[in-house]
Amino acid sequence: MRELKDKELMNVDGGAISFNGALLNSIARVLSTIMDIGRNLGSAITRISNGNYCTVKE
């Protein structure tokens, strides 16, 4: 590998700052997962508070 000069270093693109499809997709999946957890948790709280849940029979 060769060392880059100052002019070449100024033209380097990418790294941690660039946004690509994979990063945006992962952010969307995280937000979707958080929304699903919130819906399930809210549904569980509502069912428990209303007494509308199935009991386990053994």
PDB file of N, CA and C in Angstrom:
ATOM      1  N   MET A   1       0.835  -1.178   0.000  1.00  0.00           N
ATOM      2  CA  MET A   1       0.000   0.000   0.000  1.00  0.00           C
ATOM      3  C   MET A   1       0.878   1.240   0.000  1.00  0.00           C
ATOM      4  N   ARG A   2       0.398   2.248  -0.681  1.00  0.00           N
ATOM      5  CA  ARG A   2       1.150   3.494  -0.695  1.00  0.00           C
ATOM      6  C   ARG A   2       0.428   4.529   0.152  1.00  0.00           C
ATOM      7  N   GLU A   3       1.178   5.477   0.635  1.00  0.00           N
ATOM      8  CA  GLU A   3       0.591   6.547   1.437  1.00  0.00           C
ATOM      9  C   GLU A   3      -0.077   7.560   0.517  1.00  0.00           C
ATOM     10  N   LEU A   4      -1.207   8.085   0.974  1.00  0.00           N
ATOM     11  CA  LEU A   4      -1.932   9.088   0.207  1.00  0.00           C
ATOM     12  C   LEU A   4      -1.421  10.475   0.567  1.00  0.00           C
ATOM     13  N   LYS A   5      -1.390  11.334  -0.442  1.00  0.00           N
ATOM     14  CA  LYS A   5      -0.988  12.718  -0.209  1.00  0.00           C
ATOM     15  C   LYS A   5      -2.183  13.504   0.313  1.00  0.00           C
ATOM     16  N   ASP A   6      -1.936  14.707   0.794  1.00  0.00           N
ATOM     17  CA  ASP A   6      -3.000  15.534   1.376  1.00  0.00           C
ATOM     18  C   ASP A   6      -4.129  15.787   0.393  1.00  0.00           C
ATOM     19  N   LYS A   7      -3.822  16.064  -0.871  1.00  0.00           N
ATOM     20  CA  LYS A   7      -4.854  16.311  -1.867  1.00  0.00           C
ATOM     21  C   LYS A   7      -5.707  15.064  -2.076  1.00  0.00           C
ATOM     22  N   GLU A   8      -5.091  13.900  -2.070  1.00  0.00           N
ATOM     23  CA  GLU A   8      -5.831  12.655  -2.257  1.00  0.00           C
ATOM     24  C   GLU A   8      -6.707  12.347  -1.048  1.00  0.00           C
ATOM     25  N   LEU A   9      -6.223  12.664   0.142  1.00  0.00           N
ATOM     26  CA  LEU A   9      -6.998  12.419   1.355  1.00  0.00           C
ATOM     27  C   LEU A   9      -8.256  13.264   1.406  1.00  0.00           C
ATOM     28  N   MET A  10      -8.222  14.458   0.835  1.00  0.00           N
ATOM     29  CA  MET A  10      -9.406  15.322   0.821  1.00  0.00           C
ATOM     30  C   MET A  10     -10.502  14.764  -0.081  1.00  0.00           C
ATOM     31  N   ASN A  11     -10.147  13.923  -1.027  1.00  0.00           N
ATOM     32  CA  ASN A  11     -11.118  13.389  -1.978  1.00  0.00           C
ATOM     33  C   ASN A  11     -11.657  12.013  -1.585  1.00  0.00           C
ATOM     34  N   VAL A  12     -11.267  11.507  -0.440  1.00  0.00           N
ATOM     35  CA  VAL A  12     -11.723  10.193  -0.012  1.00  0.00           C
ATOM     36  C   VAL A  12     -13.178  10.284   0.438  1.00  0.00           C
ATOM     37  N   ASP A  13     -14.021   9.431  -0.108  1.00  0.00           N
ATOM     38  CA  ASP A  13     -15.432   9.356   0.279  1.00  0.00           C
ATOM     39  C   ASP A  13     -15.669   8.045   1.003  1.00  0.00           C
ATOM     40  N   GLY A  14     -16.737   8.039   1.826  1.00  0.00           N
ATOM     41  CA  GLY A  14     -17.101   6.797   2.497  1.00  0.00           C
ATOM     42  C   GLY A  14     -16.748   6.848   3.963  1.00  0.00           C
ATOM     43  N   GLY A  15     -16.666   5.686   4.547  1.00  0.00           N
ATOM     44  CA  GLY A  15     -16.366   5.603   5.967  1.00  0.00           C
ATOM     45  C   GLY A  15     -17.630   5.590   6.793  1.00  0.00           C
ATOM     46  N   ALA A  16     -17.541   6.085   8.009  1.00  0.00           N
ATOM     47  CA  ALA A  16     -18.654   6.018   8.948  1.00  0.00           C
ATOM     48  C   ALA A  16     -19.742   7.043   8.633  1.00  0.00           C
ATOM     49  N   ILE A  17     -19.428   8.045   7.846  1.00  0.00           N
ATOM     50  CA  ILE A  17     -20.398   9.114   7.619  1.00  0.00           C
ATOM     51  C   ILE A  17     -21.332   8.802   6.450  1.00  0.00           C
ATOM     52  N   SER A  18     -20.902   7.986   5.510  1.00  0.00           N
ATOM     53  CA  SER A  18     -21.729   7.735   4.329  1.00  0.00           C
ATOM     54  C   SER A  18     -22.926   6.856   4.683  1.00  0.00           C
ATOM     55  N   PHE A  19     -24.077   7.182   4.105  1.00  0.00           N
ATOM     56  CA  PHE A  19     -25.290   6.407   4.304  1.00  0.00           C
ATOM     57  C   PHE A  19     -25.506   5.555   3.066  1.00  0.00           C
ATOM     58  N   ASN A  20     -25.631   4.268   3.267  1.00  0.00           N
ATOM     59  CA  ASN A  20     -25.918   3.399   2.140  1.00  0.00           C
ATOM     60  C   ASN A  20     -27.198   2.617   2.428  1.00  0.00           C
ATOM     61  N   GLY A  21     -27.586   1.807   1.488  1.00  0.00           N
ATOM     62  CA  GLY A  21     -28.834   1.065   1.613  1.00  0.00           C
ATOM     63  C   GLY A  21     -28.856   0.122   2.796  1.00  0.00           C
ATOM     64  N   ALA A  22     -27.744  -0.515   3.081  1.00  0.00           N
ATOM     65  CA  ALA A  22     -27.708  -1.464   4.199  1.00  0.00           C
ATOM     66  C   ALA A  22     -27.926  -0.759   5.529  1.00  0.00           C
ATOM     67  N   LEU A  23     -27.338   0.406   5.696  1.00  0.00           N
ATOM     68  CA  LEU A  23     -27.503   1.154   6.946  1.00  0.00           C
ATOM     69  C   LEU A  23     -28.948   1.618   7.112  1.00  0.00           C
ATOM     70  N   LEU A  24     -29.526   2.155   6.050  1.00  0.00           N
ATOM     71  CA  LEU A  24     -30.913   2.606   6.134  1.00  0.00           C
ATOM     72  C   LEU A  24     -31.866   1.440   6.368  1.00  0.00           C
ATOM     73  N   ASN A  25     -31.588   0.299   5.751  1.00  0.00           N
ATOM     74  CA  ASN A  25     -32.415  -0.885   5.947  1.00  0.00           C
ATOM     75  C   ASN A  25     -32.340  -1.365   7.394  1.00  0.00           C
ATOM     76  N   SER A  26     -31.160  -1.359   7.965  1.00  0.00           N
ATOM     77  CA  SER A  26     -31.023  -1.814   9.356  1.00  0.00           C
ATOM     78  C   SER A  26     -31.724  -0.857  10.316  1.00  0.00           C
ATOM     79  N   ILE A  27     -31.667   0.439  10.047  1.00  0.00           N
ATOM     80  CA  ILE A  27     -32.371   1.412  10.894  1.00  0.00           C
ATOM     81  C   ILE A  27     -33.877   1.195  10.813  1.00  0.00           C
ATOM     82  N   ALA A  28     -34.372   0.943   9.602  1.00  0.00           N
ATOM     83  CA  ALA A  28     -35.806   0.697   9.425  1.00  0.00           C
ATOM     84  C   ALA A  28     -36.232  -0.574  10.151  1.00  0.00           C
ATOM     85  N   ARG A  29     -35.390  -1.602  10.120  1.00  0.00           N
ATOM     86  CA  ARG A  29     -35.721  -2.851  10.818  1.00  0.00           C
ATOM     87  C   ARG A  29     -35.733  -2.658  12.326  1.00  0.00           C
ATOM     88  N   VAL A  30     -34.803  -1.881  12.848  1.00  0.00           N
ATOM     89  CA  VAL A  30     -34.768  -1.616  14.293  1.00  0.00           C
ATOM     90  C   VAL A  30     -36.030  -0.870  14.712  1.00  0.00           C
ATOM     91  N   LEU A  31     -36.410   0.154  13.943  1.00  0.00           N
ATOM     92  CA  LEU A  31     -37.622   0.902  14.271  1.00  0.00           C
ATOM     93  C   LEU A  31     -38.863   0.019  14.179  1.00  0.00           C
ATOM     94  N   SER A  32     -38.914  -0.849  13.188  1.00  0.00           N
ATOM     95  CA  SER A  32     -40.039  -1.767  13.040  1.00  0.00           C
ATOM     96  C   SER A  32     -40.112  -2.739  14.217  1.00  0.00           C
ATOM     97  N   THR A  33     -38.970  -3.222  14.651  1.00  0.00           N
ATOM     98  CA  THR A  33     -38.932  -4.138  15.792  1.00  0.00           C
ATOM     99  C   THR A  33     -39.392  -3.440  17.067  1.00  0.00           C
ATOM    100  N   ILE A  34     -38.963  -2.202  17.270  1.00  0.00           N
ATOM    101  CA  ILE A  34     -39.391  -1.444  18.449  1.00  0.00           C
ATOM    102  C   ILE A  34     -40.899  -1.226  18.424  1.00  0.00           C
ATOM    103  N   MET A  35     -41.443  -0.919  17.245  1.00  0.00           N
ATOM    104  CA  MET A  35     -42.890  -0.736  17.113  1.00  0.00           C
ATOM    105  C   MET A  35     -43.642  -2.033  17.428  1.00  0.00           C
ATOM    106  N   ASP A  36     -43.141  -3.172  16.939  1.00  0.00           N
ATOM    107  CA  ASP A  36     -43.788  -4.456  17.207  1.00  0.00           C
ATOM    108  C   ASP A  36     -43.766  -4.791  18.699  1.00  0.00           C
ATOM    109  N   ILE A  37     -42.641  -4.538  19.347  1.00  0.00           N
ATOM    110  CA  ILE A  37     -42.543  -4.793  20.788  1.00  0.00           C
ATOM    111  C   ILE A  37     -43.534  -3.918  21.544  1.00  0.00           C
ATOM    112  N   GLY A  38     -43.647  -2.661  21.151  1.00  0.00           N
ATOM    113  CA  GLY A  38     -44.594  -1.753  21.800  1.00  0.00           C
ATOM    114  C   GLY A  38     -46.031  -2.202  21.620  1.00  0.00           C
ATOM    115  N   ARG A  39     -46.386  -2.650  20.404  1.00  0.00           N
ATOM    116  CA  ARG A  39     -47.748  -3.132  20.159  1.00  0.00           C
ATOM    117  C   ARG A  39     -48.054  -4.363  21.005  1.00  0.00           C
ATOM    118  N   ASN A  40     -47.128  -5.315  21.029  1.00  0.00           N
ATOM    119  CA  ASN A  40     -47.348  -6.539  21.798  1.00  0.00           C
ATOM    120  C   ASN A  40     -47.431  -6.256  23.297  1.00  0.00           C
ATOM    121  N   LEU A  41     -46.574  -5.380  23.771  1.00  0.00           N
ATOM    122  CA  LEU A  41     -46.598  -5.041  25.189  1.00  0.00           C
ATOM    123  C   LEU A  41     -47.898  -4.321  25.549  1.00  0.00           C
ATOM    124  N   GLY A  42     -48.326  -3.387  24.713  1.00  0.00           N
ATOM    125  CA  GLY A  42     -49.584  -2.681  24.957  1.00  0.00           C
ATOM    126  C   GLY A  42     -50.774  -3.616  24.914  1.00  0.00           C
ATOM    127  N   SER A  43     -50.756  -4.554  23.987  1.00  0.00           N
ATOM    128  CA  SER A  43     -51.841  -5.529  23.892  1.00  0.00           C
ATOM    129  C   SER A  43     -51.878  -6.421  25.131  1.00  0.00           C
ATOM    130  N   ALA A  44     -50.701  -6.829  25.595  1.00  0.00           N
ATOM    131  CA  ALA A  44     -50.643  -7.681  26.788  1.00  0.00           C
ATOM    132  C   ALA A  44     -51.147  -6.931  28.015  1.00  0.00           C
ATOM    133  N   ILE A  45     -50.760  -5.670  28.148  1.00  0.00           N
ATOM    134  CA  ILE A  45     -51.211  -4.878  29.292  1.00  0.00           C
ATOM    135  C   ILE A  45     -52.727  -4.699  29.246  1.00  0.00           C
ATOM    136  N   THR A  46     -53.262  -4.434  28.062  1.00  0.00           N
ATOM    137  CA  THR A  46     -54.708  -4.265  27.915  1.00  0.00           C
ATOM    138  C   THR A  46     -55.453  -5.551  28.256  1.00  0.00           C
ATOM    139  N   ARG A  47     -54.953  -6.683  27.764  1.00  0.00           N
ATOM    140  CA  ARG A  47     -55.614  -7.959  28.036  1.00  0.00           C
ATOM    141  C   ARG A  47     -55.577  -8.305  29.516  1.00  0.00           C
ATOM    142  N   ILE A  48     -54.464  -8.044  30.169  1.00  0.00           N
ATOM    143  CA  ILE A  48     -54.353  -8.348  31.601  1.00  0.00           C
ATOM    144  C   ILE A  48     -55.255  -7.420  32.417  1.00  0.00           C
ATOM    145  N   SER A  49     -55.266  -6.143  32.066  1.00  0.00           N
ATOM    146  CA  SER A  49     -56.085  -5.202  32.837  1.00  0.00           C
ATOM    147  C   SER A  49     -57.581  -5.460  32.647  1.00  0.00           C
ATOM    148  N   ASN A  50     -57.982  -5.984  31.486  1.00  0.00           N
ATOM    149  CA  ASN A  50     -59.390  -6.300  31.239  1.00  0.00           C
ATOM    150  C   ASN A  50     -59.754  -7.721  31.690  1.00  0.00           C
ATOM    151  N   GLY A  51     -58.763  -8.492  32.105  1.00  0.00           N
ATOM    152  CA  GLY A  51     -59.015  -9.875  32.511  1.00  0.00           C
ATOM    153  C   GLY A  51     -59.350 -10.770  31.330  1.00  0.00           C
ATOM    154  N   ASN A  52     -58.932 -10.401  30.160  1.00  0.00           N
ATOM    155  CA  ASN A  52     -59.250 -11.144  28.939  1.00  0.00           C
ATOM    156  C   ASN A  52     -58.028 -11.948  28.493  1.00  0.00           C
ATOM    157  N   TYR A  53     -57.714 -12.980  29.259  1.00  0.00           N
ATOM    158  CA  TYR A  53     -56.573 -13.809  28.883  1.00  0.00           C
ATOM    159  C   TYR A  53     -56.889 -15.262  29.203  1.00  0.00           C
ATOM    160  N   CYS A  54     -56.206 -16.162  28.543  1.00  0.00           N
ATOM    161  CA  CYS A  54     -56.434 -17.600  28.719  1.00  0.00           C
ATOM    162  C   CYS A  54     -55.582 -18.100  29.880  1.00  0.00           C
ATOM    163  N   THR A  55     -56.164 -18.909  30.711  1.00  0.00           N
ATOM    164  CA  THR A  55     -55.415 -19.517  31.800  1.00  0.00           C
ATOM    165  C   THR A  55     -54.824 -20.843  31.336  1.00  0.00           C
ATOM    166  N   VAL A  56     -53.754 -21.241  31.947  1.00  0.00           N
ATOM    167  CA  VAL A  56     -53.087 -22.487  31.602  1.00  0.00           C
ATOM    168  C   VAL A  56     -53.690 -23.600  32.462  1.00  0.00           C
ATOM    169  N   LYS A  57     -54.200 -24.646  31.787  1.00  0.00           N
ATOM    170  CA  LYS A  57     -54.777 -25.767  32.510  1.00  0.00           C
ATOM    171  C   LYS A  57     -53.799 -26.915  32.495  1.00  0.00           C
ATOM    172  N   GLU A  58     -53.574 -27.508  33.674  1.00  0.00           N
ATOM    173  CA  GLU A  58     -52.662 -28.642  33.771  1.00  0.00           C
ATOM    174  C   GLU A  58     -53.361 -29.854  34.272  1.00  0.00           C
TER     175      GLU A  58
END
